[in-house]
C-alpha cells in the first residue's frame, strides 16, 4: 500500500496568473503564429478586396474583371477538393466544397451573411471537437 501511495500522481495546483499569460504571449512560438495568421489574413483579404480593383484598372470591363478575378478562388476550391480527398474518404472530400457553395448561395439568397457565418463556425467547432476527442481519447 505504501508503494501505491508513493506512485499516486500529485494533483497540481492551478492558479490563474497574469504573469504566466504575458510570458506565454511573449513566447517566440506564439509570436510566430501571430505573424503567420496576420500575413494569411492580409493576403486573403487583400486578394478578395483589391484584386477586382487592380484587374479593372488594367482596362477590362466590369464583367470581364469579375471573370478574371475568380481564378485564384477557383484554384483554391479545386485544391481543397484534391487535398481533402487525399486525407479523407472520397465521399467526404466533396462535402466541404459543397457546404461552401451551399452556404454562399444561401447567404446571398437570404441576404444574411452573419447567420451563415455563425452556422459554419459552429460546424467547424463541432468538427474540431470531434477531432480532438479522437486524438486525445484514443
N, C-alpha and C. Protein backbone atom coordinates (compact mmCIF):
# COMPACT_ATOMS: atom_id res chain seq x y z
N UNK A 1 0.82 -1.20 0.00
CA UNK A 1 0.00 0.00 0.00
C UNK A 1 0.86 1.26 0.00
N UNK A 2 2.00 1.18 0.66
CA UNK A 2 2.87 2.34 0.71
C UNK A 2 3.39 2.71 -0.67
N UNK A 3 3.67 1.68 -1.49
CA UNK A 3 4.15 1.93 -2.85
C UNK A 3 3.07 2.61 -3.68
N UNK A 4 1.81 2.17 -3.54
CA UNK A 4 0.71 2.80 -4.27
C UNK A 4 0.57 4.27 -3.89
N UNK A 5 0.74 4.58 -2.63
CA UNK A 5 0.65 5.98 -2.19
C UNK A 5 1.79 6.81 -2.77
N UNK A 6 2.98 6.22 -2.87
CA UNK A 6 4.11 6.96 -3.44
C UNK A 6 3.95 7.19 -4.93
N UNK A 7 3.35 6.21 -5.64
CA UNK A 7 3.19 6.31 -7.09
C UNK A 7 1.98 7.12 -7.51
N UNK A 8 1.12 7.44 -6.58
CA UNK A 8 -0.07 8.23 -6.92
C UNK A 8 0.38 9.61 -7.41
N UNK A 9 -0.19 10.06 -8.55
CA UNK A 9 0.23 11.38 -9.06
C UNK A 9 -0.22 12.50 -8.13
N UNK A 10 0.63 13.47 -8.04
CA UNK A 10 0.33 14.64 -7.22
C UNK A 10 -0.59 15.55 -8.01
N UNK A 11 -1.64 16.03 -7.38
CA UNK A 11 -2.57 16.92 -8.08
C UNK A 11 -1.94 18.31 -8.15
N UNK A 12 -1.81 18.86 -9.35
CA UNK A 12 -1.21 20.18 -9.47
C UNK A 12 -2.17 21.27 -8.99
N UNK A 13 -1.60 22.32 -8.51
CA UNK A 13 -2.39 23.47 -8.06
C UNK A 13 -2.35 24.49 -9.19
N UNK A 14 -3.48 24.67 -9.87
CA UNK A 14 -3.56 25.62 -10.96
C UNK A 14 -4.07 26.95 -10.42
N UNK A 15 -3.26 27.94 -10.56
CA UNK A 15 -3.62 29.28 -10.12
C UNK A 15 -3.51 30.20 -11.32
N UNK A 16 -4.53 31.04 -11.52
CA UNK A 16 -4.51 32.00 -12.62
C UNK A 16 -3.46 33.05 -12.34
N UNK A 17 -2.60 33.26 -13.32
CA UNK A 17 -1.52 34.21 -13.16
C UNK A 17 -1.38 35.05 -14.42
N UNK A 18 -1.53 36.33 -14.29
CA UNK A 18 -1.37 37.24 -15.42
C UNK A 18 0.07 37.22 -15.92
N UNK A 19 1.00 37.02 -15.01
CA UNK A 19 2.40 36.96 -15.39
C UNK A 19 2.65 35.78 -16.34
N UNK A 20 2.04 34.63 -16.06
CA UNK A 20 2.21 33.47 -16.92
C UNK A 20 1.59 33.68 -18.30
N UNK A 21 0.45 34.36 -18.34
CA UNK A 21 -0.19 34.66 -19.63
C UNK A 21 0.69 35.57 -20.46
N UNK A 22 1.21 36.62 -19.85
CA UNK A 22 2.10 37.55 -20.58
C UNK A 22 3.38 36.84 -21.02
N UNK A 23 3.87 35.94 -20.18
CA UNK A 23 5.07 35.19 -20.54
C UNK A 23 4.80 34.27 -21.74
N UNK A 24 3.62 33.66 -21.76
CA UNK A 24 3.30 32.79 -22.89
C UNK A 24 3.07 33.59 -24.17
N UNK A 25 2.50 34.79 -24.04
CA UNK A 25 2.30 35.63 -25.23
C UNK A 25 3.63 36.13 -25.80
N UNK A 26 4.63 36.25 -24.96
CA UNK A 26 5.94 36.70 -25.42
C UNK A 26 6.79 35.55 -25.96
N UNK A 27 6.26 34.35 -25.93
CA UNK A 27 6.98 33.18 -26.43
C UNK A 27 7.21 33.32 -27.94
N UNK A 28 8.37 32.93 -28.42
CA UNK A 28 8.64 33.03 -29.86
C UNK A 28 7.67 32.20 -30.70
N UNK A 29 7.22 31.07 -30.19
CA UNK A 29 6.28 30.24 -30.93
C UNK A 29 4.94 30.94 -31.11
N UNK A 30 4.47 31.58 -30.05
CA UNK A 30 3.19 32.30 -30.13
C UNK A 30 3.33 33.51 -31.04
N UNK A 31 4.44 34.22 -30.93
CA UNK A 31 4.66 35.38 -31.80
C UNK A 31 4.72 34.96 -33.27
N UNK A 32 5.34 33.81 -33.54
CA UNK A 32 5.42 33.32 -34.91
C UNK A 32 4.02 33.00 -35.44
N UNK A 33 3.18 32.39 -34.60
CA UNK A 33 1.80 32.10 -35.02
C UNK A 33 1.03 33.39 -35.27
N UNK A 34 1.22 34.39 -34.41
CA UNK A 34 0.57 35.69 -34.62
C UNK A 34 0.96 36.26 -35.98
N UNK A 35 2.23 36.23 -36.28
CA UNK A 35 2.72 36.78 -37.55
C UNK A 35 2.17 35.99 -38.74
N UNK A 36 2.16 34.67 -38.62
CA UNK A 36 1.65 33.83 -39.71
C UNK A 36 0.19 34.13 -39.98
N UNK A 37 -0.63 34.17 -38.92
CA UNK A 37 -2.05 34.44 -39.12
C UNK A 37 -2.29 35.86 -39.62
N UNK A 38 -1.49 36.83 -39.18
CA UNK A 38 -1.63 38.19 -39.70
C UNK A 38 -1.34 38.23 -41.19
N UNK A 39 -0.28 37.55 -41.62
CA UNK A 39 0.07 37.56 -43.04
C UNK A 39 -0.95 36.78 -43.86
N UNK A 40 -1.48 35.68 -43.33
CA UNK A 40 -2.52 34.94 -44.05
C UNK A 40 -3.75 35.82 -44.23
N UNK A 41 -4.17 36.50 -43.16
CA UNK A 41 -5.33 37.38 -43.25
C UNK A 41 -5.10 38.54 -44.21
N UNK A 42 -3.91 39.11 -44.17
CA UNK A 42 -3.59 40.21 -45.08
C UNK A 42 -3.65 39.76 -46.53
N UNK A 43 -3.08 38.59 -46.81
CA UNK A 43 -3.11 38.06 -48.17
C UNK A 43 -4.54 37.74 -48.61
N UNK A 44 -5.29 37.08 -47.74
CA UNK A 44 -6.64 36.68 -48.09
C UNK A 44 -7.54 37.88 -48.38
N UNK A 45 -7.56 38.84 -47.46
CA UNK A 45 -8.44 39.98 -47.65
C UNK A 45 -7.90 40.93 -48.72
N UNK A 46 -6.59 41.01 -48.84
CA UNK A 46 -6.03 41.81 -49.93
C UNK A 46 -6.42 41.24 -51.28
N UNK A 47 -6.37 39.93 -51.40
CA UNK A 47 -6.76 39.28 -52.65
C UNK A 47 -8.25 39.45 -52.90
N UNK A 48 -9.05 39.20 -51.89
CA UNK A 48 -10.51 39.24 -52.07
C UNK A 48 -11.02 40.66 -52.33
N UNK A 49 -10.43 41.66 -51.67
CA UNK A 49 -10.96 43.02 -51.78
C UNK A 49 -10.32 43.83 -52.90
N UNK A 50 -9.04 43.63 -53.14
CA UNK A 50 -8.35 44.52 -54.07
C UNK A 50 -8.07 43.91 -55.44
N UNK A 51 -8.13 42.61 -55.58
CA UNK A 51 -7.86 42.01 -56.89
C UNK A 51 -8.82 42.50 -57.97
N UNK A 52 -10.13 42.56 -57.73
CA UNK A 52 -11.01 43.10 -58.78
C UNK A 52 -10.69 44.55 -59.15
N UNK A 53 -10.32 45.36 -58.17
CA UNK A 53 -9.96 46.75 -58.46
C UNK A 53 -8.70 46.83 -59.31
N UNK A 54 -7.73 46.00 -59.01
CA UNK A 54 -6.48 46.01 -59.77
C UNK A 54 -6.73 45.55 -61.20
N UNK A 55 -7.51 44.48 -61.35
CA UNK A 55 -7.80 43.97 -62.69
C UNK A 55 -8.62 45.00 -63.47
N UNK A 56 -9.55 45.68 -62.82
CA UNK A 56 -10.36 46.70 -63.50
C UNK A 56 -9.50 47.87 -63.97
N UNK A 57 -8.48 48.24 -63.19
CA UNK A 57 -7.60 49.33 -63.57
C UNK A 57 -6.70 48.97 -64.76
N UNK A 58 -6.63 47.68 -65.07
CA UNK A 58 -5.87 47.26 -66.25
C UNK A 58 -6.64 47.50 -67.54
N UNK A 59 -7.90 47.94 -67.43
CA UNK A 59 -8.67 48.31 -68.60
C UNK A 59 -9.74 47.34 -69.02
N UNK A 60 -10.07 46.37 -68.19
CA UNK A 60 -11.10 45.40 -68.53
C UNK A 60 -12.47 45.90 -68.12
N UNK A 61 -13.50 45.38 -68.80
CA UNK A 61 -14.88 45.74 -68.45
C UNK A 61 -15.22 45.10 -67.10
N UNK A 62 -16.27 45.59 -66.43
CA UNK A 62 -16.64 45.02 -65.13
C UNK A 62 -16.95 43.52 -65.18
N UNK A 63 -17.61 43.07 -66.25
CA UNK A 63 -17.93 41.64 -66.36
C UNK A 63 -16.65 40.82 -66.53
N UNK A 64 -15.77 41.28 -67.40
CA UNK A 64 -14.52 40.56 -67.63
C UNK A 64 -13.63 40.64 -66.39
N UNK A 65 -13.71 41.73 -65.65
CA UNK A 65 -12.96 41.86 -64.40
C UNK A 65 -13.37 40.78 -63.42
N UNK A 66 -14.68 40.56 -63.28
CA UNK A 66 -15.15 39.52 -62.36
C UNK A 66 -14.70 38.14 -62.82
N UNK A 67 -14.76 37.91 -64.13
CA UNK A 67 -14.34 36.60 -64.64
C UNK A 67 -12.85 36.37 -64.44
N UNK A 68 -12.04 37.40 -64.60
CA UNK A 68 -10.61 37.25 -64.42
C UNK A 68 -10.22 37.17 -62.94
N UNK A 69 -11.05 37.69 -62.06
CA UNK A 69 -10.74 37.69 -60.63
C UNK A 69 -11.11 36.38 -59.94
N UNK A 70 -11.88 35.54 -60.61
CA UNK A 70 -12.35 34.31 -59.97
C UNK A 70 -11.29 33.21 -59.98
N UNK A 71 -10.24 33.35 -60.75
CA UNK A 71 -9.22 32.31 -60.90
C UNK A 71 -8.61 31.82 -59.60
N UNK A 72 -8.08 32.70 -58.75
CA UNK A 72 -7.48 32.21 -57.50
C UNK A 72 -8.48 31.49 -56.60
N UNK A 73 -9.72 31.94 -56.60
CA UNK A 73 -10.72 31.29 -55.75
C UNK A 73 -11.12 29.93 -56.32
N UNK A 74 -11.19 29.83 -57.64
CA UNK A 74 -11.49 28.53 -58.26
C UNK A 74 -10.34 27.55 -58.01
N UNK A 75 -9.12 28.03 -58.10
CA UNK A 75 -7.97 27.17 -57.82
C UNK A 75 -8.00 26.70 -56.37
N UNK A 76 -8.36 27.58 -55.46
CA UNK A 76 -8.47 27.19 -54.05
C UNK A 76 -9.57 26.17 -53.83
N UNK A 77 -10.69 26.35 -54.53
CA UNK A 77 -11.81 25.42 -54.40
C UNK A 77 -11.41 24.02 -54.86
N UNK A 78 -10.82 23.93 -56.06
CA UNK A 78 -10.44 22.62 -56.58
C UNK A 78 -9.25 22.04 -55.83
N UNK A 79 -8.37 22.90 -55.33
CA UNK A 79 -7.28 22.42 -54.49
C UNK A 79 -7.80 21.83 -53.20
N UNK A 80 -8.83 22.46 -52.65
CA UNK A 80 -9.44 21.93 -51.43
C UNK A 80 -10.08 20.57 -51.70
N UNK A 81 -10.73 20.42 -52.85
CA UNK A 81 -11.30 19.12 -53.21
C UNK A 81 -10.20 18.07 -53.31
N UNK A 82 -9.09 18.43 -53.94
CA UNK A 82 -7.99 17.48 -54.14
C UNK A 82 -7.37 17.08 -52.82
N UNK A 83 -7.03 18.07 -51.97
CA UNK A 83 -6.34 17.75 -50.73
C UNK A 83 -7.26 17.10 -49.71
N UNK A 84 -8.53 17.45 -49.71
CA UNK A 84 -9.47 16.77 -48.82
C UNK A 84 -9.58 15.30 -49.22
N UNK A 85 -9.58 15.02 -50.51
CA UNK A 85 -9.68 13.65 -50.98
C UNK A 85 -8.47 12.80 -50.62
N UNK A 86 -7.32 13.44 -50.41
CA UNK A 86 -6.12 12.68 -50.04
C UNK A 86 -6.15 12.24 -48.59
N UNK A 87 -6.83 12.99 -47.73
CA UNK A 87 -6.80 12.70 -46.31
C UNK A 87 -8.12 12.16 -45.77
N UNK A 88 -9.18 12.33 -46.51
CA UNK A 88 -10.50 11.87 -46.09
C UNK A 88 -11.02 10.95 -47.19
N UNK A 89 -12.01 10.15 -46.87
CA UNK A 89 -12.56 9.26 -47.90
C UNK A 89 -13.11 10.09 -49.06
N UNK A 90 -13.19 9.49 -50.23
CA UNK A 90 -13.61 10.22 -51.43
C UNK A 90 -15.01 10.79 -51.32
N UNK A 91 -15.90 10.11 -50.61
CA UNK A 91 -17.26 10.62 -50.46
C UNK A 91 -17.27 11.90 -49.65
N UNK A 92 -16.42 11.98 -48.65
CA UNK A 92 -16.38 13.18 -47.81
C UNK A 92 -15.55 14.30 -48.41
N UNK A 93 -14.75 13.99 -49.44
CA UNK A 93 -13.86 15.02 -49.98
C UNK A 93 -14.63 16.14 -50.66
N UNK A 94 -15.82 15.86 -51.15
CA UNK A 94 -16.62 16.91 -51.78
C UNK A 94 -17.54 17.60 -50.78
N UNK A 95 -17.59 17.12 -49.55
CA UNK A 95 -18.51 17.70 -48.57
C UNK A 95 -18.17 19.14 -48.24
N UNK A 96 -16.90 19.42 -47.98
CA UNK A 96 -16.51 20.78 -47.59
C UNK A 96 -16.77 21.78 -48.71
N UNK A 97 -16.34 21.52 -49.95
CA UNK A 97 -16.65 22.48 -51.01
C UNK A 97 -18.15 22.62 -51.28
N UNK A 98 -18.91 21.54 -51.17
CA UNK A 98 -20.35 21.65 -51.38
C UNK A 98 -21.01 22.47 -50.28
N UNK A 99 -20.57 22.32 -49.05
CA UNK A 99 -21.09 23.15 -47.96
C UNK A 99 -20.71 24.60 -48.20
N UNK A 100 -19.51 24.83 -48.72
CA UNK A 100 -19.08 26.20 -49.02
C UNK A 100 -19.98 26.83 -50.09
N UNK A 101 -20.23 26.10 -51.17
CA UNK A 101 -21.09 26.62 -52.24
C UNK A 101 -22.51 26.84 -51.74
N UNK A 102 -23.04 25.87 -50.99
CA UNK A 102 -24.40 25.99 -50.48
C UNK A 102 -24.53 27.18 -49.53
N UNK A 103 -23.55 27.36 -48.65
CA UNK A 103 -23.63 28.48 -47.71
C UNK A 103 -23.50 29.82 -48.42
N UNK A 104 -22.68 29.89 -49.48
CA UNK A 104 -22.56 31.13 -50.24
C UNK A 104 -23.88 31.44 -50.96
N UNK A 105 -24.50 30.43 -51.56
CA UNK A 105 -25.78 30.63 -52.23
C UNK A 105 -26.85 31.05 -51.23
N UNK A 106 -26.89 30.36 -50.09
CA UNK A 106 -27.91 30.63 -49.09
C UNK A 106 -27.76 32.04 -48.52
N UNK A 107 -26.52 32.46 -48.24
CA UNK A 107 -26.30 33.79 -47.67
C UNK A 107 -26.63 34.89 -48.68
N UNK A 108 -26.37 34.66 -49.97
CA UNK A 108 -26.74 35.64 -50.98
C UNK A 108 -28.24 35.68 -51.21
N UNK A 109 -28.87 34.52 -51.19
CA UNK A 109 -30.31 34.45 -51.44
C UNK A 109 -31.10 35.13 -50.32
N UNK A 110 -30.71 34.88 -49.07
CA UNK A 110 -31.44 35.45 -47.93
C UNK A 110 -30.83 36.74 -47.41
N UNK A 111 -29.73 37.18 -47.99
CA UNK A 111 -29.05 38.41 -47.59
C UNK A 111 -28.74 38.41 -46.09
N UNK A 112 -28.25 37.28 -45.59
CA UNK A 112 -27.91 37.17 -44.17
C UNK A 112 -26.59 36.42 -44.03
N UNK A 113 -25.51 37.15 -44.16
CA UNK A 113 -24.21 36.51 -44.10
C UNK A 113 -23.79 36.17 -42.67
N UNK A 114 -24.29 36.92 -41.70
CA UNK A 114 -23.93 36.67 -40.30
C UNK A 114 -24.43 35.33 -39.81
N UNK A 115 -25.66 34.99 -40.17
CA UNK A 115 -26.23 33.71 -39.74
C UNK A 115 -25.45 32.56 -40.38
N UNK A 116 -25.14 32.70 -41.65
CA UNK A 116 -24.38 31.66 -42.34
C UNK A 116 -23.00 31.51 -41.72
N UNK A 117 -22.35 32.60 -41.42
CA UNK A 117 -21.02 32.53 -40.80
C UNK A 117 -21.10 31.87 -39.43
N UNK A 118 -22.14 32.17 -38.67
CA UNK A 118 -22.29 31.56 -37.35
C UNK A 118 -22.52 30.05 -37.46
N UNK A 119 -23.34 29.63 -38.41
CA UNK A 119 -23.61 28.19 -38.57
C UNK A 119 -22.35 27.46 -39.01
N UNK A 120 -21.61 28.03 -39.96
CA UNK A 120 -20.38 27.41 -40.43
C UNK A 120 -19.36 27.34 -39.29
N UNK A 121 -19.30 28.38 -38.46
CA UNK A 121 -18.39 28.38 -37.32
C UNK A 121 -18.76 27.30 -36.33
N UNK A 122 -20.05 27.14 -36.06
CA UNK A 122 -20.49 26.08 -35.15
C UNK A 122 -20.16 24.69 -35.71
N UNK A 123 -20.31 24.51 -37.02
CA UNK A 123 -19.92 23.24 -37.64
C UNK A 123 -18.42 23.00 -37.50
N UNK A 124 -17.64 24.05 -37.67
CA UNK A 124 -16.19 23.91 -37.54
C UNK A 124 -15.80 23.57 -36.10
N UNK A 125 -16.45 24.20 -35.13
CA UNK A 125 -16.18 23.90 -33.72
C UNK A 125 -16.55 22.45 -33.41
N UNK A 126 -17.69 22.00 -33.92
CA UNK A 126 -18.11 20.61 -33.69
C UNK A 126 -17.11 19.64 -34.31
N UNK A 127 -16.70 19.91 -35.54
CA UNK A 127 -15.73 19.04 -36.20
C UNK A 127 -14.39 19.02 -35.49
N UNK A 128 -13.95 20.18 -35.06
CA UNK A 128 -12.67 20.24 -34.35
C UNK A 128 -12.76 19.53 -33.00
N UNK A 129 -13.91 19.63 -32.34
CA UNK A 129 -14.10 18.93 -31.07
C UNK A 129 -14.06 17.42 -31.28
N UNK A 130 -14.68 16.95 -32.35
CA UNK A 130 -14.62 15.52 -32.67
C UNK A 130 -13.19 15.09 -32.95
N UNK A 131 -12.46 15.94 -33.66
CA UNK A 131 -11.06 15.64 -33.96
C UNK A 131 -10.23 15.55 -32.68
N UNK A 132 -10.40 16.53 -31.78
CA UNK A 132 -9.66 16.50 -30.53
C UNK A 132 -10.04 15.30 -29.67
N UNK A 133 -11.33 14.96 -29.68
CA UNK A 133 -11.78 13.79 -28.93
C UNK A 133 -11.15 12.52 -29.46
N UNK A 134 -11.03 12.43 -30.76
CA UNK A 134 -10.42 11.24 -31.36
C UNK A 134 -8.92 11.18 -31.07
N UNK A 135 -8.27 12.32 -31.11
CA UNK A 135 -6.82 12.36 -30.91
C UNK A 135 -6.46 12.09 -29.46
N UNK A 136 -7.14 12.74 -28.52
CA UNK A 136 -6.73 12.67 -27.13
C UNK A 136 -7.39 11.55 -26.33
N UNK A 137 -8.47 10.99 -26.83
CA UNK A 137 -9.16 9.95 -26.07
C UNK A 137 -8.84 8.55 -26.55
N UNK A 138 -8.04 8.43 -27.58
CA UNK A 138 -7.70 7.09 -28.08
C UNK A 138 -6.46 6.58 -27.42
